Amino acid sequence: MDKKYVIGAAVAVGALVLVPGLAAALARAGEPLKRAAVRSGATAWDEFRKAGSEVYEHMEDLAAEFQAEVAAREAQPEAAEPDAASGVRDAG
């Protein structure tokens, strides 16, 4: 199978060398494919950029919520814990 691939590749290269017009025809035929590839790449880039922006915005929101929770906890006075010196006894 490898031998057939090498022979096919050699025939293709030989054809390109022997028939200069074939190379130009293939280049012209490939132009629409190149344009489609560039267009698809640009669309994909734009979609990835939008998705990345949304993820970044979501992470900023989560960080802001976390910071607000931490600030709220720090602002609350700690609950007073009863101790033996306060004179409060159990009624039991």
N, C-alpha and C. Protein backbone atom coordinates (compact mmCIF):
# COMPACT_ATOMS: atom_id res chain seq x y z
N MET A 1 0.82 -1.19 0.00
CA MET A 1 0.00 0.00 0.00
C MET A 1 0.87 1.26 0.00
N ASP A 2 1.95 1.26 0.72
CA ASP A 2 2.85 2.41 0.75
C ASP A 2 3.48 2.63 -0.62
N LYS A 3 3.75 1.52 -1.33
CA LYS A 3 4.38 1.61 -2.64
C LYS A 3 3.44 2.29 -3.64
N LYS A 4 2.14 1.97 -3.55
CA LYS A 4 1.16 2.58 -4.44
C LYS A 4 1.04 4.09 -4.18
N TYR A 5 1.12 4.47 -2.90
CA TYR A 5 1.04 5.88 -2.55
C TYR A 5 2.24 6.64 -3.14
N VAL A 6 3.41 6.08 -3.01
CA VAL A 6 4.62 6.73 -3.53
C VAL A 6 4.54 6.84 -5.05
N ILE A 7 4.08 5.79 -5.71
CA ILE A 7 3.96 5.83 -7.17
C ILE A 7 2.94 6.89 -7.59
N GLY A 8 1.79 6.94 -6.88
CA GLY A 8 0.78 7.94 -7.20
C GLY A 8 1.29 9.35 -7.00
N ALA A 9 2.03 9.56 -5.93
CA ALA A 9 2.59 10.89 -5.67
C ALA A 9 3.60 11.26 -6.74
N ALA A 10 4.42 10.29 -7.17
CA ALA A 10 5.41 10.56 -8.20
C ALA A 10 4.73 10.92 -9.52
N VAL A 11 3.66 10.21 -9.86
CA VAL A 11 2.94 10.50 -11.10
C VAL A 11 2.33 11.90 -11.03
N ALA A 12 1.78 12.27 -9.88
CA ALA A 12 1.17 13.59 -9.72
C ALA A 12 2.22 14.69 -9.86
N VAL A 13 3.36 14.51 -9.22
CA VAL A 13 4.44 15.51 -9.32
C VAL A 13 4.94 15.59 -10.76
N GLY A 14 5.07 14.45 -11.40
CA GLY A 14 5.51 14.43 -12.80
C GLY A 14 4.53 15.15 -13.69
N ALA A 15 3.24 14.94 -13.46
CA ALA A 15 2.23 15.62 -14.27
C ALA A 15 2.31 17.12 -14.07
N LEU A 16 2.53 17.58 -12.85
CA LEU A 16 2.63 19.02 -12.60
C LEU A 16 3.86 19.62 -13.27
N VAL A 17 4.93 18.84 -13.30
CA VAL A 17 6.16 19.35 -13.93
C VAL A 17 6.02 19.35 -15.45
N LEU A 18 5.40 18.31 -15.99
CA LEU A 18 5.31 18.18 -17.44
C LEU A 18 4.23 19.06 -18.06
N VAL A 19 3.19 19.34 -17.31
CA VAL A 19 2.09 20.12 -17.86
C VAL A 19 1.94 21.41 -17.05
N PRO A 20 2.63 22.48 -17.43
CA PRO A 20 2.58 23.72 -16.65
C PRO A 20 1.18 24.30 -16.57
N GLY A 21 0.39 24.11 -17.60
CA GLY A 21 -0.97 24.64 -17.59
C GLY A 21 -1.83 23.97 -16.53
N LEU A 22 -1.52 22.72 -16.19
CA LEU A 22 -2.29 21.99 -15.18
C LEU A 22 -2.12 22.64 -13.80
N ALA A 23 -0.92 23.09 -13.49
CA ALA A 23 -0.67 23.75 -12.21
C ALA A 23 -1.46 25.05 -12.11
N ALA A 24 -1.50 25.81 -13.19
CA ALA A 24 -2.25 27.07 -13.18
C ALA A 24 -3.74 26.80 -13.05
N ALA A 25 -4.22 25.75 -13.75
CA ALA A 25 -5.65 25.41 -13.66
C ALA A 25 -6.01 24.98 -12.25
N LEU A 26 -5.16 24.20 -11.62
CA LEU A 26 -5.42 23.78 -10.24
C LEU A 26 -5.39 24.96 -9.29
N ALA A 27 -4.51 25.92 -9.55
CA ALA A 27 -4.45 27.11 -8.70
C ALA A 27 -5.73 27.93 -8.82
N ARG A 28 -6.23 28.07 -10.05
CA ARG A 28 -7.48 28.81 -10.25
C ARG A 28 -8.66 28.07 -9.62
N ALA A 29 -8.67 26.77 -9.72
CA ALA A 29 -9.76 25.98 -9.13
C ALA A 29 -9.70 26.03 -7.61
N GLY A 30 -8.52 26.19 -7.08
CA GLY A 30 -8.37 26.23 -5.63
C GLY A 30 -8.73 27.57 -5.02
N GLU A 31 -8.86 28.59 -5.85
CA GLU A 31 -9.16 29.93 -5.33
C GLU A 31 -10.48 29.98 -4.56
N PRO A 32 -11.58 29.42 -5.08
CA PRO A 32 -12.82 29.43 -4.30
C PRO A 32 -12.68 28.67 -2.97
N LEU A 33 -11.90 27.61 -3.00
CA LEU A 33 -11.68 26.86 -1.76
C LEU A 33 -10.91 27.70 -0.74
N LYS A 34 -9.92 28.45 -1.23
CA LYS A 34 -9.16 29.32 -0.32
C LYS A 34 -10.07 30.40 0.27
N ARG A 35 -10.91 30.99 -0.57
CA ARG A 35 -11.82 32.03 -0.09
C ARG A 35 -12.79 31.46 0.95
N ALA A 36 -13.31 30.27 0.67
CA ALA A 36 -14.24 29.64 1.62
C ALA A 36 -13.54 29.33 2.93
N ALA A 37 -12.30 28.89 2.85
CA ALA A 37 -11.55 28.58 4.07
C ALA A 37 -11.29 29.85 4.89
N VAL A 38 -10.93 30.93 4.23
CA VAL A 38 -10.69 32.19 4.93
C VAL A 38 -11.99 32.71 5.55
N ARG A 39 -13.08 32.62 4.80
CA ARG A 39 -14.38 33.06 5.31
C ARG A 39 -14.79 32.23 6.53
N SER A 40 -14.62 30.92 6.44
CA SER A 40 -14.96 30.05 7.57
C SER A 40 -14.08 30.34 8.78
N GLY A 41 -12.81 30.58 8.52
CA GLY A 41 -11.89 30.90 9.61
C GLY A 41 -12.26 32.21 10.29
N ALA A 42 -12.64 33.20 9.51
CA ALA A 42 -13.03 34.49 10.08
C ALA A 42 -14.30 34.36 10.90
N THR A 43 -15.25 33.58 10.40
CA THR A 43 -16.50 33.36 11.14
C THR A 43 -16.22 32.62 12.44
N ALA A 44 -15.39 31.59 12.36
CA ALA A 44 -15.04 30.83 13.57
C ALA A 44 -14.33 31.73 14.58
N TRP A 45 -13.41 32.55 14.12
CA TRP A 45 -12.69 33.47 15.01
C TRP A 45 -13.66 34.40 15.72
N ASP A 46 -14.61 34.94 14.99
CA ASP A 46 -15.59 35.85 15.57
C ASP A 46 -16.44 35.14 16.62
N GLU A 47 -16.87 33.91 16.32
CA GLU A 47 -17.69 33.16 17.28
C GLU A 47 -16.88 32.82 18.53
N PHE A 48 -15.62 32.41 18.36
CA PHE A 48 -14.77 32.12 19.53
C PHE A 48 -14.54 33.37 20.37
N ARG A 49 -14.37 34.50 19.69
CA ARG A 49 -14.15 35.76 20.42
C ARG A 49 -15.39 36.11 21.24
N LYS A 50 -16.58 35.96 20.65
CA LYS A 50 -17.82 36.24 21.36
C LYS A 50 -17.98 35.30 22.56
N ALA A 51 -17.71 34.02 22.34
CA ALA A 51 -17.84 33.06 23.43
C ALA A 51 -16.85 33.37 24.55
N GLY A 52 -15.64 33.75 24.18
CA GLY A 52 -14.64 34.11 25.18
C GLY A 52 -15.06 35.34 25.97
N SER A 53 -15.65 36.31 25.30
CA SER A 53 -16.12 37.51 25.99
C SER A 53 -17.22 37.18 26.97
N GLU A 54 -18.13 36.27 26.57
CA GLU A 54 -19.21 35.89 27.47
C GLU A 54 -18.68 35.15 28.69
N VAL A 55 -17.71 34.27 28.49
CA VAL A 55 -17.12 33.54 29.61
C VAL A 55 -16.41 34.52 30.54
N TYR A 56 -15.67 35.47 29.98
CA TYR A 56 -14.97 36.46 30.79
C TYR A 56 -15.96 37.29 31.60
N GLU A 57 -17.05 37.70 30.98
CA GLU A 57 -18.06 38.49 31.67
C GLU A 57 -18.69 37.68 32.80
N HIS A 58 -18.96 36.41 32.55
CA HIS A 58 -19.54 35.54 33.57
C HIS A 58 -18.58 35.39 34.76
N MET A 59 -17.29 35.23 34.47
CA MET A 59 -16.30 35.10 35.54
C MET A 59 -16.19 36.41 36.34
N GLU A 60 -16.28 37.54 35.67
CA GLU A 60 -16.27 38.82 36.39
C GLU A 60 -17.47 38.92 37.32
N ASP A 61 -18.66 38.49 36.85
CA ASP A 61 -19.86 38.52 37.68
C ASP A 61 -19.69 37.63 38.91
N LEU A 62 -19.14 36.43 38.71
CA LEU A 62 -18.93 35.52 39.83
C LEU A 62 -17.94 36.12 40.85
N ALA A 63 -16.89 36.74 40.34
CA ALA A 63 -15.90 37.35 41.23
C ALA A 63 -16.53 38.51 42.02
N ALA A 64 -17.36 39.31 41.38
CA ALA A 64 -18.02 40.43 42.06
C ALA A 64 -18.98 39.91 43.13
N GLU A 65 -19.72 38.84 42.82
CA GLU A 65 -20.62 38.26 43.82
C GLU A 65 -19.84 37.74 45.02
N PHE A 66 -18.73 37.06 44.74
CA PHE A 66 -17.90 36.53 45.82
C PHE A 66 -17.36 37.66 46.68
N GLN A 67 -16.88 38.72 46.06
CA GLN A 67 -16.35 39.85 46.82
C GLN A 67 -17.44 40.50 47.66
N ALA A 68 -18.66 40.59 47.12
CA ALA A 68 -19.76 41.17 47.89
C ALA A 68 -20.11 40.29 49.09
N GLU A 69 -20.09 38.97 48.91
CA GLU A 69 -20.37 38.06 50.03
C GLU A 69 -19.31 38.18 51.11
N VAL A 70 -18.07 38.26 50.71
CA VAL A 70 -16.98 38.39 51.68
C VAL A 70 -17.11 39.71 52.43
N ALA A 71 -17.41 40.78 51.72
CA ALA A 71 -17.56 42.09 52.36
C ALA A 71 -18.75 42.08 53.32
N ALA A 72 -19.84 41.41 52.95
CA ALA A 72 -21.01 41.33 53.83
C ALA A 72 -20.69 40.54 55.09
N ARG A 73 -19.94 39.48 54.95
CA ARG A 73 -19.56 38.68 56.13
C ARG A 73 -18.65 39.47 57.05
N GLU A 74 -17.74 40.22 56.48
CA GLU A 74 -16.82 41.00 57.31
C GLU A 74 -17.55 42.15 58.00
N ALA A 75 -18.60 42.66 57.39
CA ALA A 75 -19.34 43.78 57.97
C ALA A 75 -20.26 43.34 59.10
N GLN A 76 -20.70 42.09 59.10
CA GLN A 76 -21.59 41.62 60.16
C GLN A 76 -20.80 41.39 61.44
N PRO A 77 -21.36 41.87 62.58
CA PRO A 77 -20.67 41.56 63.84
C PRO A 77 -20.85 40.08 64.16
N GLU A 78 -19.84 39.52 64.74
CA GLU A 78 -19.92 38.10 65.08
C GLU A 78 -20.95 37.91 66.18
N ALA A 79 -21.68 36.83 66.14
CA ALA A 79 -22.71 36.54 67.14
C ALA A 79 -22.05 36.38 68.51
N ALA A 80 -22.65 37.02 69.48
CA ALA A 80 -22.09 36.95 70.84
C ALA A 80 -22.33 35.55 71.39
N GLU A 81 -21.26 34.94 71.86
CA GLU A 81 -21.38 33.61 72.42
C GLU A 81 -21.49 33.73 73.94
N PRO A 82 -22.48 33.05 74.51
CA PRO A 82 -22.60 33.12 75.97
C PRO A 82 -21.42 32.42 76.63
N ASP A 83 -20.97 33.02 77.73
CA ASP A 83 -19.89 32.38 78.46
C ASP A 83 -20.26 32.28 79.93
N ALA A 84 -19.47 31.61 80.70
CA ALA A 84 -19.78 31.36 82.11
C ALA A 84 -19.71 32.63 82.93
N ALA A 85 -18.97 33.62 82.52
CA ALA A 85 -18.83 34.84 83.31
C ALA A 85 -20.01 35.76 83.20
N SER A 86 -20.91 35.52 82.27
CA SER A 86 -22.04 36.43 82.09
C SER A 86 -23.13 36.21 83.12
N GLY A 87 -23.08 35.10 83.84
CA GLY A 87 -24.07 34.87 84.89
C GLY A 87 -25.36 34.23 84.41
N VAL A 88 -25.40 33.82 83.16
CA VAL A 88 -26.60 33.17 82.63
C VAL A 88 -26.52 31.70 82.95
N ARG A 89 -27.61 31.17 83.57
CA ARG A 89 -27.60 29.76 83.94
C ARG A 89 -28.70 29.02 83.18
N ASP A 90 -28.53 27.74 83.11
CA ASP A 90 -29.57 26.90 82.57
C ASP A 90 -30.68 26.73 83.59
N ALA A 91 -31.91 26.66 83.13
CA ALA A 91 -33.04 26.50 84.04
C ALA A 91 -33.30 25.02 84.30
N GLY A 92 -32.43 24.19 84.09
CA GLY A 92 -32.69 22.76 84.18
C GLY A 92 -31.98 22.11 85.23
